[in-house]
């Protein structure tokens, strides 16, 4: 049960949260999801 709870917790890393918010804002402004995926892949998942 505890393992499942850890999977649902938010990341404590503020930099990752800022990045995710940026992608959500871009999507809300009309950037297509495939473009966002390509940008994420080009930036790297570090």
N, C-alpha and C. Protein backbone atom coordinates (compact mmCIF):
# COMPACT_ATOMS: atom_id res chain seq x y z
N UNK A 1 0.84 -1.20 0.00
CA UNK A 1 0.00 0.00 0.00
C UNK A 1 0.87 1.26 0.00
N UNK A 2 1.93 1.23 0.80
CA UNK A 2 2.80 2.41 0.87
C UNK A 2 3.47 2.69 -0.47
N UNK A 3 3.80 1.64 -1.20
CA UNK A 3 4.43 1.81 -2.51
C UNK A 3 3.49 2.57 -3.45
N UNK A 4 2.21 2.24 -3.40
CA UNK A 4 1.24 2.94 -4.24
C UNK A 4 1.12 4.40 -3.84
N UNK A 5 1.17 4.68 -2.56
CA UNK A 5 1.05 6.06 -2.09
C UNK A 5 2.24 6.89 -2.57
N UNK A 6 3.44 6.29 -2.57
CA UNK A 6 4.61 7.02 -3.05
C UNK A 6 4.47 7.36 -4.52
N UNK A 7 3.82 6.49 -5.29
CA UNK A 7 3.66 6.73 -6.72
C UNK A 7 2.74 7.92 -6.99
N UNK A 8 1.82 8.19 -6.07
CA UNK A 8 0.86 9.27 -6.29
C UNK A 8 1.28 10.59 -5.66
N UNK A 9 2.35 10.60 -4.92
CA UNK A 9 2.81 11.85 -4.30
C UNK A 9 3.39 12.78 -5.35
N UNK A 10 3.32 14.06 -5.07
CA UNK A 10 3.91 15.05 -5.96
C UNK A 10 5.42 15.02 -5.84
N UNK A 11 6.05 15.43 -6.92
CA UNK A 11 7.50 15.56 -6.89
C UNK A 11 7.86 16.76 -6.03
N UNK A 12 8.85 16.61 -5.18
CA UNK A 12 9.28 17.71 -4.34
C UNK A 12 10.24 18.65 -5.04
N UNK A 13 10.59 18.35 -6.30
CA UNK A 13 11.55 19.15 -7.04
C UNK A 13 10.84 20.31 -7.72
N UNK A 14 11.07 21.53 -7.27
CA UNK A 14 10.38 22.69 -7.86
C UNK A 14 10.71 22.90 -9.33
N UNK A 15 11.91 22.54 -9.76
CA UNK A 15 12.28 22.73 -11.16
C UNK A 15 11.43 21.85 -12.08
N UNK A 16 11.16 20.62 -11.67
CA UNK A 16 10.31 19.74 -12.47
C UNK A 16 8.89 20.27 -12.53
N UNK A 17 8.41 20.84 -11.42
CA UNK A 17 7.06 21.39 -11.40
C UNK A 17 6.97 22.59 -12.32
N UNK A 18 8.00 23.44 -12.33
CA UNK A 18 7.99 24.60 -13.22
C UNK A 18 7.95 24.15 -14.68
N UNK A 19 8.70 23.11 -15.01
CA UNK A 19 8.71 22.62 -16.38
C UNK A 19 7.36 22.08 -16.78
N UNK A 20 6.72 21.35 -15.91
CA UNK A 20 5.40 20.79 -16.21
C UNK A 20 4.38 21.90 -16.38
N UNK A 21 4.45 22.91 -15.56
CA UNK A 21 3.52 24.04 -15.68
C UNK A 21 3.72 24.76 -17.01
N UNK A 22 4.96 24.86 -17.44
CA UNK A 22 5.24 25.50 -18.73
C UNK A 22 4.61 24.76 -19.89
N UNK A 23 4.68 23.41 -19.85
CA UNK A 23 4.06 22.63 -20.92
C UNK A 23 2.55 22.76 -20.89
N UNK A 24 1.97 22.79 -19.71
CA UNK A 24 0.52 22.94 -19.60
C UNK A 24 0.09 24.31 -20.12
N UNK A 25 0.83 25.35 -19.76
CA UNK A 25 0.50 26.68 -20.27
C UNK A 25 0.63 26.76 -21.78
N UNK A 26 1.67 26.15 -22.33
CA UNK A 26 1.84 26.14 -23.79
C UNK A 26 0.66 25.43 -24.45
N UNK A 27 0.24 24.31 -23.86
CA UNK A 27 -0.90 23.57 -24.41
C UNK A 27 -2.18 24.42 -24.34
N UNK A 28 -2.37 25.10 -23.22
CA UNK A 28 -3.56 25.95 -23.10
C UNK A 28 -3.54 27.11 -24.08
N UNK A 29 -2.36 27.56 -24.46
CA UNK A 29 -2.25 28.64 -25.44
C UNK A 29 -2.39 28.15 -26.88
N UNK A 30 -2.53 26.84 -27.05
CA UNK A 30 -2.82 26.33 -28.38
C UNK A 30 -1.70 25.58 -29.07
N UNK A 31 -0.61 25.30 -28.38
CA UNK A 31 0.47 24.52 -28.99
C UNK A 31 0.03 23.06 -29.04
N UNK A 32 0.09 22.44 -30.22
CA UNK A 32 -0.36 21.04 -30.33
C UNK A 32 0.50 20.10 -29.48
N UNK A 33 -0.13 19.06 -28.97
CA UNK A 33 0.55 18.10 -28.10
C UNK A 33 1.74 17.43 -28.80
N UNK A 34 1.63 17.04 -30.08
CA UNK A 34 2.81 16.43 -30.72
C UNK A 34 4.03 17.36 -30.72
N UNK A 35 3.81 18.65 -30.86
CA UNK A 35 4.92 19.61 -30.82
C UNK A 35 5.52 19.65 -29.43
N UNK A 36 4.68 19.62 -28.41
CA UNK A 36 5.19 19.62 -27.03
C UNK A 36 5.99 18.36 -26.75
N UNK A 37 5.54 17.23 -27.28
CA UNK A 37 6.28 15.98 -27.09
C UNK A 37 7.64 16.05 -27.76
N UNK A 38 7.68 16.58 -28.99
CA UNK A 38 8.96 16.71 -29.70
C UNK A 38 9.90 17.62 -28.93
N UNK A 39 9.40 18.73 -28.41
CA UNK A 39 10.24 19.64 -27.64
C UNK A 39 10.77 18.95 -26.40
N UNK A 40 9.92 18.20 -25.72
CA UNK A 40 10.35 17.49 -24.51
C UNK A 40 11.43 16.47 -24.85
N UNK A 41 11.29 15.77 -25.95
CA UNK A 41 12.30 14.78 -26.34
C UNK A 41 13.60 15.44 -26.73
N UNK A 42 13.54 16.60 -27.39
CA UNK A 42 14.76 17.30 -27.78
C UNK A 42 15.49 17.90 -26.59
N UNK A 43 14.74 18.33 -25.58
CA UNK A 43 15.35 18.91 -24.38
C UNK A 43 16.01 17.84 -23.52
N UNK A 44 15.50 16.64 -23.59
CA UNK A 44 16.04 15.57 -22.77
C UNK A 44 15.23 15.43 -21.51
N UNK A 45 15.25 14.26 -20.96
CA UNK A 45 14.47 13.95 -19.76
C UNK A 45 15.39 13.82 -18.56
N UNK A 46 16.08 14.88 -18.24
CA UNK A 46 17.01 14.80 -17.10
C UNK A 46 16.43 15.44 -15.88
